PDB file of N, CA and C in Angstrom:
ATOM      1  N   MET A   1       0.844  -1.174   0.000  1.00  0.00           N
ATOM      2  CA  MET A   1       0.000   0.000   0.000  1.00  0.00           C
ATOM      3  C   MET A   1       0.893   1.242   0.000  1.00  0.00           C
ATOM      4  N   CYS A   2       0.533   2.222  -0.807  1.00  0.00           N
ATOM      5  CA  CYS A   2       1.294   3.472  -0.876  1.00  0.00           C
ATOM      6  C   CYS A   2       0.416   4.627  -0.426  1.00  0.00           C
ATOM      7  N   ASN A   3       1.023   5.554   0.248  1.00  0.00           N
ATOM      8  CA  ASN A   3       0.344   6.787   0.622  1.00  0.00           C
ATOM      9  C   ASN A   3       1.102   7.943   0.001  1.00  0.00           C
ATOM     10  N   ILE A   4       0.357   8.853  -0.568  1.00  0.00           N
ATOM     11  CA  ILE A   4       0.971  10.042  -1.151  1.00  0.00           C
ATOM     12  C   ILE A   4       0.298  11.248  -0.536  1.00  0.00           C
ATOM     13  N   PHE A   5       1.113  12.196  -0.095  1.00  0.00           N
ATOM     14  CA  PHE A   5       0.584  13.431   0.457  1.00  0.00           C
ATOM     15  C   PHE A   5       1.074  14.587  -0.404  1.00  0.00           C
ATOM     16  N   VAL A   6       0.144  15.363  -0.893  1.00  0.00           N
ATOM     17  CA  VAL A   6       0.494  16.543  -1.678  1.00  0.00           C
ATOM     18  C   VAL A   6      -0.030  17.751  -0.925  1.00  0.00           C
ATOM     19  N   ASP A   7       0.836  18.690  -0.640  1.00  0.00           N
ATOM     20  CA  ASP A   7       0.471  19.887   0.110  1.00  0.00           C
ATOM     21  C   ASP A   7      -0.017  20.963  -0.867  1.00  0.00           C
ATOM     22  N   TYR A   8      -1.299  21.230  -0.834  1.00  0.00           N
ATOM     23  CA  TYR A   8      -1.877  22.220  -1.741  1.00  0.00           C
ATOM     24  C   TYR A   8      -2.152  23.559  -1.057  1.00  0.00           C
ATOM     25  N   ILE A   9      -1.565  23.763   0.128  1.00  0.00           N
ATOM     26  CA  ILE A   9      -1.773  25.025   0.827  1.00  0.00           C
ATOM     27  C   ILE A   9      -1.283  26.164  -0.057  1.00  0.00           C
ATOM     28  N   ARG A  10      -2.095  27.135  -0.218  1.00  0.00           N
ATOM     29  CA  ARG A  10      -1.822  28.327  -1.028  1.00  0.00           C
ATOM     30  C   ARG A  10      -1.631  28.017  -2.511  1.00  0.00           C
ATOM     31  N   ALA A  11      -2.010  26.842  -2.929  1.00  0.00           N
ATOM     32  CA  ALA A  11      -1.811  26.468  -4.329  1.00  0.00           C
ATOM     33  C   ALA A  11      -2.596  27.385  -5.261  1.00  0.00           C
ATOM     34  N   PHE A  12      -3.800  27.738  -4.880  1.00  0.00           N
ATOM     35  CA  PHE A  12      -4.614  28.600  -5.730  1.00  0.00           C
ATOM     36  C   PHE A  12      -4.029  30.002  -5.822  1.00  0.00           C
ATOM     37  N   ASP A  13      -3.288  30.430  -4.813  1.00  0.00           N
ATOM     38  CA  ASP A  13      -2.715  31.778  -4.796  1.00  0.00           C
ATOM     39  C   ASP A  13      -1.358  31.860  -5.487  1.00  0.00           C
ATOM     40  N   SER A  14      -0.708  30.718  -5.679  1.00  0.00           N
ATOM     41  CA  SER A  14       0.683  30.753  -6.112  1.00  0.00           C
ATOM     42  C   SER A  14       0.905  30.554  -7.608  1.00  0.00           C
ATOM     43  N   VAL A  15      -0.120  30.239  -8.349  1.00  0.00           N
ATOM     44  CA  VAL A  15       0.039  29.956  -9.776  1.00  0.00           C
ATOM     45  C   VAL A  15      -0.053  31.250 -10.581  1.00  0.00           C
ATOM     46  N   TYR A  16       0.941  31.473 -11.439  1.00  0.00           N
ATOM     47  CA  TYR A  16       0.900  32.657 -12.304  1.00  0.00           C
ATOM     48  C   TYR A  16      -0.179  32.497 -13.357  1.00  0.00           C
ATOM     49  N   ARG A  17      -0.975  33.527 -13.526  1.00  0.00           N
ATOM     50  CA  ARG A  17      -2.135  33.471 -14.414  1.00  0.00           C
ATOM     51  C   ARG A  17      -1.760  33.216 -15.880  1.00  0.00           C
ATOM     52  N   HIS A  18      -0.707  33.827 -16.353  1.00  0.00           N
ATOM     53  CA  HIS A  18      -0.303  33.609 -17.740  1.00  0.00           C
ATOM     54  C   HIS A  18       0.125  32.163 -17.959  1.00  0.00           C
ATOM     55  N   LYS A  19       0.735  31.563 -16.944  1.00  0.00           N
ATOM     56  CA  LYS A  19       1.157  30.160 -17.045  1.00  0.00           C
ATOM     57  C   LYS A  19      -0.055  29.233 -17.147  1.00  0.00           C
ATOM     58  N   ILE A  20      -1.111  29.542 -16.401  1.00  0.00           N
ATOM     59  CA  ILE A  20      -2.318  28.712 -16.459  1.00  0.00           C
ATOM     60  C   ILE A  20      -2.812  28.646 -17.895  1.00  0.00           C
ATOM     61  N   ILE A  21      -2.921  29.795 -18.515  1.00  0.00           N
ATOM     62  CA  ILE A  21      -3.441  29.854 -19.891  1.00  0.00           C
ATOM     63  C   ILE A  21      -2.472  29.210 -20.866  1.00  0.00           C
ATOM     64  N   TYR A  22      -1.184  29.479 -20.705  1.00  0.00           N
ATOM     65  CA  TYR A  22      -0.187  28.891 -21.596  1.00  0.00           C
ATOM     66  C   TYR A  22      -0.214  27.360 -21.522  1.00  0.00           C
ATOM     67  N   LEU A  23      -0.222  26.818 -20.319  1.00  0.00           N
ATOM     68  CA  LEU A  23      -0.192  25.370 -20.152  1.00  0.00           C
ATOM     69  C   LEU A  23      -1.494  24.705 -20.583  1.00  0.00           C
ATOM     70  N   ALA A  24      -2.595  25.413 -20.466  1.00  0.00           N
ATOM     71  CA  ALA A  24      -3.898  24.820 -20.769  1.00  0.00           C
ATOM     72  C   ALA A  24      -4.250  24.845 -22.253  1.00  0.00           C
ATOM     73  N   GLN A  25      -3.575  25.643 -23.060  1.00  0.00           N
ATOM     74  CA  GLN A  25      -3.981  25.853 -24.445  1.00  0.00           C
ATOM     75  C   GLN A  25      -4.042  24.587 -25.285  1.00  0.00           C
ATOM     76  N   ASP A  26      -3.192  23.621 -25.020  1.00  0.00           N
ATOM     77  CA  ASP A  26      -3.197  22.402 -25.829  1.00  0.00           C
ATOM     78  C   ASP A  26      -4.252  21.401 -25.399  1.00  0.00           C
ATOM     79  N   ASN A  27      -4.758  21.528 -24.183  1.00  0.00           N
ATOM     80  CA  ASN A  27      -5.643  20.512 -23.630  1.00  0.00           C
ATOM     81  C   ASN A  27      -7.058  21.001 -23.321  1.00  0.00           C
ATOM     82  N   VAL A  28      -7.324  22.277 -23.502  1.00  0.00           N
ATOM     83  CA  VAL A  28      -8.604  22.855 -23.094  1.00  0.00           C
ATOM     84  C   VAL A  28      -9.284  23.475 -24.307  1.00  0.00           C
ATOM     85  N   PRO A  29     -10.606  23.306 -24.413  1.00  0.00           N
ATOM     86  CA  PRO A  29     -11.338  23.907 -25.538  1.00  0.00           C
ATOM     87  C   PRO A  29     -11.158  25.425 -25.593  1.00  0.00           C
ATOM     88  N   ALA A  30     -11.161  25.963 -26.802  1.00  0.00           N
ATOM     89  CA  ALA A  30     -10.918  27.397 -27.023  1.00  0.00           C
ATOM     90  C   ALA A  30     -11.915  28.277 -26.263  1.00  0.00           C
ATOM     91  N   LYS A  31     -13.135  27.826 -26.141  1.00  0.00           N
ATOM     92  CA  LYS A  31     -14.157  28.613 -25.437  1.00  0.00           C
ATOM     93  C   LYS A  31     -13.792  28.782 -23.957  1.00  0.00           C
ATOM     94  N   LEU A  32     -13.283  27.726 -23.351  1.00  0.00           N
ATOM     95  CA  LEU A  32     -12.870  27.811 -21.951  1.00  0.00           C
ATOM     96  C   LEU A  32     -11.619  28.681 -21.809  1.00  0.00           C
ATOM     97  N   ILE A  33     -10.720  28.600 -22.777  1.00  0.00           N
ATOM     98  CA  ILE A  33      -9.532  29.471 -22.761  1.00  0.00           C
ATOM     99  C   ILE A  33      -9.974  30.937 -22.796  1.00  0.00           C
ATOM    100  N   SER A  34     -10.960  31.257 -23.627  1.00  0.00           N
ATOM    101  CA  SER A  34     -11.468  32.633 -23.701  1.00  0.00           C
ATOM    102  C   SER A  34     -12.044  33.079 -22.366  1.00  0.00           C
ATOM    103  N   LEU A  35     -12.795  32.211 -21.709  1.00  0.00           N
ATOM    104  CA  LEU A  35     -13.342  32.543 -20.388  1.00  0.00           C
ATOM    105  C   LEU A  35     -12.226  32.745 -19.370  1.00  0.00           C
ATOM    106  N   MET A  36     -11.221  31.889 -19.437  1.00  0.00           N
ATOM    107  CA  MET A  36     -10.094  32.011 -18.525  1.00  0.00           C
ATOM    108  C   MET A  36      -9.398  33.358 -18.711  1.00  0.00           C
ATOM    109  N   LYS A  37      -9.181  33.750 -19.956  1.00  0.00           N
ATOM    110  CA  LYS A  37      -8.520  35.026 -20.232  1.00  0.00           C
ATOM    111  C   LYS A  37      -9.339  36.201 -19.700  1.00  0.00           C
ATOM    112  N   LEU A  38     -10.664  36.127 -19.855  1.00  0.00           N
ATOM    113  CA  LEU A  38     -11.523  37.215 -19.377  1.00  0.00           C
ATOM    114  C   LEU A  38     -11.434  37.390 -17.867  1.00  0.00           C
ATOM    115  N   THR A  39     -11.285  36.289 -17.147  1.00  0.00           N
ATOM    116  CA  THR A  39     -11.269  36.387 -15.687  1.00  0.00           C
ATOM    117  C   THR A  39      -9.871  36.502 -15.092  1.00  0.00           C
ATOM    118  N   LEU A  40      -8.833  36.196 -15.863  1.00  0.00           N
ATOM    119  CA  LEU A  40      -7.487  36.153 -15.292  1.00  0.00           C
ATOM    120  C   LEU A  40      -6.514  37.208 -15.797  1.00  0.00           C
ATOM    121  N   ILE A  41      -6.695  37.692 -17.014  1.00  0.00           N
ATOM    122  CA  ILE A  41      -5.715  38.598 -17.617  1.00  0.00           C
ATOM    123  C   ILE A  41      -6.131  40.057 -17.413  1.00  0.00           C
ATOM    124  N   ASN A  42      -5.137  40.909 -17.173  1.00  0.00           N
ATOM    125  CA  ASN A  42      -5.342  42.345 -16.959  1.00  0.00           C
ATOM    126  C   ASN A  42      -6.289  42.634 -15.799  1.00  0.00           C
ATOM    127  N   THR A  43      -6.151  41.888 -14.726  1.00  0.00           N
ATOM    128  CA  THR A  43      -6.991  42.077 -13.552  1.00  0.00           C
ATOM    129  C   THR A  43      -6.287  43.002 -12.576  1.00  0.00           C
ATOM    130  N   ARG A  44      -7.059  43.895 -12.014  1.00  0.00           N
ATOM    131  CA  ARG A  44      -6.521  44.833 -11.038  1.00  0.00           C
ATOM    132  C   ARG A  44      -7.363  44.766  -9.770  1.00  0.00           C
ATOM    133  N   ALA A  45      -6.746  45.139  -8.659  1.00  0.00           N
ATOM    134  CA  ALA A  45      -7.448  45.124  -7.377  1.00  0.00           C
ATOM    135  C   ALA A  45      -7.001  46.310  -6.532  1.00  0.00           C
ATOM    136  N   ARG A  46      -7.849  46.677  -5.596  1.00  0.00           N
ATOM    137  CA  ARG A  46      -7.507  47.689  -4.602  1.00  0.00           C
ATOM    138  C   ARG A  46      -7.878  47.124  -3.237  1.00  0.00           C
ATOM    139  N   VAL A  47      -7.147  47.545  -2.231  1.00  0.00           N
ATOM    140  CA  VAL A  47      -7.378  47.071  -0.873  1.00  0.00           C
ATOM    141  C   VAL A  47      -7.979  48.215  -0.068  1.00  0.00           C
ATOM    142  N   LYS A  48      -9.017  47.885   0.699  1.00  0.00           N
ATOM    143  CA  LYS A  48      -9.660  48.891   1.544  1.00  0.00           C
ATOM    144  C   LYS A  48      -9.114  48.767   2.966  1.00  0.00           C
ATOM    145  N   ILE A  49      -8.507  49.869   3.448  1.00  0.00           N
ATOM    146  CA  ILE A  49      -7.966  49.918   4.798  1.00  0.00           C
ATOM    147  C   ILE A  49      -8.515  51.156   5.496  1.00  0.00           C
ATOM    148  N   ASN A  50      -9.220  50.948   6.599  1.00  0.00           N
ATOM    149  CA  ASN A  50      -9.820  52.067   7.346  1.00  0.00           C
ATOM    150  C   ASN A  50     -10.631  52.992   6.438  1.00  0.00           C
ATOM    151  N   ASN A  51     -11.494  52.418   5.632  1.00  0.00           N
ATOM    152  CA  ASN A  51     -12.382  53.153   4.719  1.00  0.00           C
ATOM    153  C   ASN A  51     -11.646  53.936   3.639  1.00  0.00           C
ATOM    154  N   GLU A  52     -10.388  53.629   3.399  1.00  0.00           N
ATOM    155  CA  GLU A  52      -9.641  54.241   2.306  1.00  0.00           C
ATOM    156  C   GLU A  52      -9.073  53.136   1.431  1.00  0.00           C
ATOM    157  N   TYR A  53      -9.006  53.409   0.133  1.00  0.00           N
ATOM    158  CA  TYR A  53      -8.509  52.424  -0.816  1.00  0.00           C
ATOM    159  C   TYR A  53      -7.060  52.718  -1.206  1.00  0.00           C
ATOM    160  N   THR A  54      -6.302  51.638  -1.399  1.00  0.00           N
ATOM    161  CA  THR A  54      -4.931  51.771  -1.873  1.00  0.00           C
ATOM    162  C   THR A  54      -4.953  52.053  -3.371  1.00  0.00           C
ATOM    163  N   LYS A  55      -3.776  52.305  -3.933  1.00  0.00           N
ATOM    164  CA  LYS A  55      -3.658  52.404  -5.383  1.00  0.00           C
ATOM    165  C   LYS A  55      -3.971  51.044  -5.990  1.00  0.00           C
ATOM    166  N   GLU A  56      -4.313  51.042  -7.263  1.00  0.00           N
ATOM    167  CA  GLU A  56      -4.596  49.777  -7.945  1.00  0.00           C
ATOM    168  C   GLU A  56      -3.346  48.920  -8.028  1.00  0.00           C
ATOM    169  N   LEU A  57      -3.545  47.631  -7.828  1.00  0.00           N
ATOM    170  CA  LEU A  57      -2.472  46.654  -7.935  1.00  0.00           C
ATOM    171  C   LEU A  57      -2.781  45.721  -9.090  1.00  0.00           C
ATOM    172  N   LYS A  58      -1.785  45.364  -9.847  1.00  0.00           N
ATOM    173  CA  LYS A  58      -1.955  44.389 -10.912  1.00  0.00           C
ATOM    174  C   LYS A  58      -1.896  42.991 -10.302  1.00  0.00           C
ATOM    175  N   VAL A  59      -2.913  42.193 -10.557  1.00  0.00           N
ATOM    176  CA  VAL A  59      -2.964  40.835 -10.020  1.00  0.00           C
ATOM    177  C   VAL A  59      -2.410  39.892 -11.081  1.00  0.00           C
ATOM    178  N   GLU A  60      -1.280  39.232 -10.759  1.00  0.00           N
ATOM    179  CA  GLU A  60      -0.613  38.370 -11.734  1.00  0.00           C
ATOM    180  C   GLU A  60      -0.606  36.903 -11.354  1.00  0.00           C
ATOM    181  N   SER A  61      -0.997  36.588 -10.129  1.00  0.00           N
ATOM    182  CA  SER A  61      -0.996  35.181  -9.722  1.00  0.00           C
ATOM    183  C   SER A  61      -2.254  34.865  -8.937  1.00  0.00           C
ATOM    184  N   GLY A  62      -2.551  33.578  -8.892  1.00  0.00           N
ATOM    185  CA  GLY A  62      -3.716  33.106  -8.170  1.00  0.00           C
ATOM    186  C   GLY A  62      -4.989  33.218  -8.988  1.00  0.00           C
ATOM    187  N   VAL A  63      -6.013  32.603  -8.471  1.00  0.00           N
ATOM    188  CA  VAL A  63      -7.330  32.701  -9.098  1.00  0.00           C
ATOM    189  C   VAL A  63      -8.217  33.548  -8.200  1.00  0.00           C
ATOM    190  N   ASN A  64      -9.283  34.063  -8.763  1.00  0.00           N
ATOM    191  CA  ASN A  64     -10.171  34.930  -8.002  1.00  0.00           C
ATOM    192  C   ASN A  64     -10.886  34.146  -6.910  1.00  0.00           C
ATOM    193  N   GLN A  65     -10.917  34.712  -5.715  1.00  0.00           N
ATOM    194  CA  GLN A  65     -11.595  34.054  -4.608  1.00  0.00           C
ATOM    195  C   GLN A  65     -13.074  33.912  -4.923  1.00  0.00           C
ATOM    196  N   GLY A  66     -13.596  32.726  -4.748  1.00  0.00           N
ATOM    197  CA  GLY A  66     -15.005  32.484  -5.011  1.00  0.00           C
ATOM    198  C   GLY A  66     -15.328  32.271  -6.474  1.00  0.00           C
ATOM    199  N   ASP A  67     -14.340  32.338  -7.342  1.00  0.00           N
ATOM    200  CA  ASP A  67     -14.563  32.137  -8.772  1.00  0.00           C
ATOM    201  C   ASP A  67     -14.990  30.692  -9.019  1.00  0.00           C
ATOM    202  N   THR A  68     -16.067  30.517  -9.744  1.00  0.00           N
ATOM    203  CA  THR A  68     -16.558  29.168 -10.014  1.00  0.00           C
ATOM    204  C   THR A  68     -15.599  28.388 -10.909  1.00  0.00           C
ATOM    205  N   LEU A  69     -14.726  29.088 -11.616  1.00  0.00           N
ATOM    206  CA  LEU A  69     -13.735  28.417 -12.457  1.00  0.00           C
ATOM    207  C   LEU A  69     -12.482  28.008 -11.681  1.00  0.00           C
ATOM    208  N   ALA A  70     -12.327  28.464 -10.443  1.00  0.00           N
ATOM    209  CA  ALA A  70     -11.090  28.259  -9.691  1.00  0.00           C
ATOM    210  C   ALA A  70     -10.693  26.794  -9.591  1.00  0.00           C
ATOM    211  N   ALA A  71     -11.596  25.951  -9.170  1.00  0.00           N
ATOM    212  CA  ALA A  71     -11.263  24.532  -9.007  1.00  0.00           C
ATOM    213  C   ALA A  71     -10.952  23.889 -10.354  1.00  0.00           C
ATOM    214  N   THR A  72     -11.705  24.264 -11.388  1.00  0.00           N
ATOM    215  CA  THR A  72     -11.466  23.727 -12.722  1.00  0.00           C
ATOM    216  C   THR A  72     -10.101  24.161 -13.244  1.00  0.00           C
ATOM    217  N   LEU A  73      -9.769  25.426 -13.062  1.00  0.00           N
ATOM    218  CA  LEU A  73      -8.476  25.943 -13.515  1.00  0.00           C
ATOM    219  C   LEU A  73      -7.333  25.220 -12.823  1.00  0.00           C
ATOM    220  N   PHE A  74      -7.462  25.036 -11.529  1.00  0.00           N
ATOM    221  CA  PHE A  74      -6.406  24.355 -10.798  1.00  0.00           C
ATOM    222  C   PHE A  74      -6.304  22.897 -11.231  1.00  0.00           C
ATOM    223  N   SER A  75      -7.424  22.244 -11.437  1.00  0.00           N
ATOM    224  CA  SER A  75      -7.418  20.849 -11.891  1.00  0.00           C
ATOM    225  C   SER A  75      -6.761  20.717 -13.255  1.00  0.00           C
ATOM    226  N   VAL A  76      -7.074  21.639 -14.149  1.00  0.00           N
ATOM    227  CA  VAL A  76      -6.471  21.640 -15.487  1.00  0.00           C
ATOM    228  C   VAL A  76      -4.962  21.785 -15.359  1.00  0.00           C
ATOM    229  N   LEU A  77      -4.532  22.712 -14.530  1.00  0.00           N
ATOM    230  CA  LEU A  77      -3.101  22.950 -14.360  1.00  0.00           C
ATOM    231  C   LEU A  77      -2.390  21.731 -13.783  1.00  0.00           C
ATOM    232  N   VAL A  78      -2.954  21.131 -12.759  1.00  0.00           N
ATOM    233  CA  VAL A  78      -2.340  19.939 -12.157  1.00  0.00           C
ATOM    234  C   VAL A  78      -2.284  18.808 -13.177  1.00  0.00           C
ATOM    235  N   ASP A  79      -3.351  18.636 -13.952  1.00  0.00           N
ATOM    236  CA  ASP A  79      -3.382  17.584 -14.973  1.00  0.00           C
ATOM    237  C   ASP A  79      -2.280  17.792 -16.010  1.00  0.00           C
ATOM    238  N   VAL A  80      -2.121  19.023 -16.470  1.00  0.00           N
ATOM    239  CA  VAL A  80      -1.097  19.333 -17.467  1.00  0.00           C
ATOM    240  C   VAL A  80       0.296  19.075 -16.905  1.00  0.00           C
ATOM    241  N   VAL A  81       0.550  19.513 -15.691  1.00  0.00           N
ATOM    242  CA  VAL A  81       1.864  19.327 -15.080  1.00  0.00           C
ATOM    243  C   VAL A  81       2.169  17.842 -14.894  1.00  0.00           C
ATOM    244  N   LEU A  82       1.195  17.081 -14.399  1.00  0.00           N
ATOM    245  CA  LEU A  82       1.417  15.644 -14.214  1.00  0.00           C
ATOM    246  C   LEU A  82       1.679  14.943 -15.544  1.00  0.00           C
ATOM    247  N   LYS A  83       0.962  15.334 -16.599  1.00  0.00           N
ATOM    248  CA  LYS A  83       1.205  14.733 -17.919  1.00  0.00           C
ATOM    249  C   LYS A  83       2.604  15.060 -18.412  1.00  0.00           C
ATOM    250  N   GLN A  84       3.047  16.300 -18.200  1.00  0.00           N
ATOM    251  CA  GLN A  84       4.398  16.676 -18.622  1.00  0.00           C
ATOM    252  C   GLN A  84       5.449  15.889 -17.854  1.00  0.00           C
ATOM    253  N   LEU A  85       5.271  15.757 -16.560  1.00  0.00           N
ATOM    254  CA  LEU A  85       6.220  14.993 -15.761  1.00  0.00           C
ATOM    255  C   LEU A  85       6.234  13.530 -16.171  1.00  0.00           C
ATOM    256  N   HIS A  86       5.063  12.987 -16.434  1.00  0.00           N
ATOM    257  CA  HIS A  86       4.948  11.585 -16.833  1.00  0.00           C
ATOM    258  C   HIS A  86       5.648  11.359 -18.181  1.00  0.00           C
ATOM    259  N   SER A  87       5.449  12.287 -19.127  1.00  0.00           N
ATOM    260  CA  SER A  87       6.066  12.130 -20.450  1.00  0.00           C
ATOM    261  C   SER A  87       7.587  12.243 -20.386  1.00  0.00           C
ATOM    262  N   ARG A  88       8.100  12.944 -19.404  1.00  0.00           N
ATOM    263  CA  ARG A  88       9.558  13.076 -19.236  1.00  0.00           C
ATOM    264  C   ARG A  88      10.146  11.929 -18.434  1.00  0.00           C
ATOM    265  N   GLY A  89       9.289  11.089 -17.895  1.00  0.00           N
ATOM    266  CA  GLY A  89       9.766   9.979 -17.083  1.00  0.00           C
ATOM    267  C   GLY A  89      10.070  10.370 -15.652  1.00  0.00           C
ATOM    268  N   ASN A  90       9.630  11.558 -15.239  1.00  0.00           N
ATOM    269  CA  ASN A  90       9.893  12.028 -13.879  1.00  0.00           C
ATOM    270  C   ASN A  90       8.865  11.540 -12.867  1.00  0.00           C
ATOM    271  N   ILE A  91       7.797  10.928 -13.355  1.00  0.00           N
ATOM    272  CA  ILE A  91       6.749  10.455 -12.458  1.00  0.00           C
ATOM    273  C   ILE A  91       6.143   9.199 -13.061  1.00  0.00           C
ATOM    274  N   SER A  92       5.744   8.322 -12.220  1.00  0.00           N
ATOM    275  CA  SER A  92       5.095   7.109 -12.690  1.00  0.00           C
ATOM    276  C   SER A  92       3.713   7.019 -12.082  1.00  0.00           C
ATOM    277  N   THR A  93       2.750   6.685 -12.891  1.00  0.00           N
ATOM    278  CA  THR A  93       1.388   6.534 -12.395  1.00  0.00           C
ATOM    279  C   THR A  93       1.065   5.071 -12.158  1.00  0.00           C
ATOM    280  N   SER A  94       2.060   4.238 -12.275  1.00  0.00           N
ATOM    281  CA  SER A  94       1.845   2.794 -12.104  1.00  0.00           C
ATOM    282  C   SER A  94       1.758   2.431 -10.627  1.00  0.00           C
ATOM    283  N   LEU A  95       0.746   1.664 -10.288  1.00  0.00           N
ATOM    284  CA  LEU A  95       0.586   1.222  -8.913  1.00  0.00           C
ATOM    285  C   LEU A  95       1.533   0.061  -8.575  1.00  0.00           C
ATOM    286  N   THR A  96       2.182  -0.493  -9.581  1.00  0.00           N
ATOM    287  CA  THR A  96       3.089  -1.622  -9.329  1.00  0.00           C
ATOM    288  C   THR A  96       4.342  -1.194  -8.580  1.00  0.00           C
ATOM    289  N   LEU A  97       4.584   0.093  -8.470  1.00  0.00           N
ATOM    290  CA  LEU A  97       5.727   0.592  -7.725  1.00  0.00           C
ATOM    291  C   LEU A  97       5.504   0.509  -6.229  1.00  0.00           C
ATOM    292  N   CYS A  98       4.270   0.319  -5.838  1.00  0.00           N
ATOM    293  CA  CYS A  98       3.946   0.255  -4.420  1.00  0.00           C
ATOM    294  C   CYS A  98       4.156  -1.149  -3.887  1.00  0.00           C
ATOM    295  N   ARG A  99       4.603  -1.211  -2.667  1.00  0.00           N
ATOM    296  CA  ARG A  99       4.782  -2.513  -2.028  1.00  0.00           C
ATOM    297  C   ARG A  99       3.447  -2.984  -1.455  1.00  0.00           C
ATOM    298  N   PRO A 100       3.178  -4.266  -1.531  1.00  0.00           N
ATOM    299  CA  PRO A 100       1.916  -4.776  -0.994  1.00  0.00           C
ATOM    300  C   PRO A 100       1.902  -4.721   0.529  1.00  0.00           C
TER     301      PRO A 100
END
């Protein structure tokens, strides 16, 4: 039996938005890529502190909090990365590597 632990803490916040789109282009339908671009590219935010707003900040990483696409985007990214690692021989998906 094998156990694998993957730490996904802050995973949604740490992925660069341009990388998500770049990596997904070969495996995701064009319509979904267009939706991803609309929600991820050229996004700006301001922070409210004591009823005053900061200057606009360019958001370049992470997905939008509460975005219904967030889980899908992250799943797509993980799938693409695992496929790339598997094709390079850096990862094996075979269960025969596990000891009984």
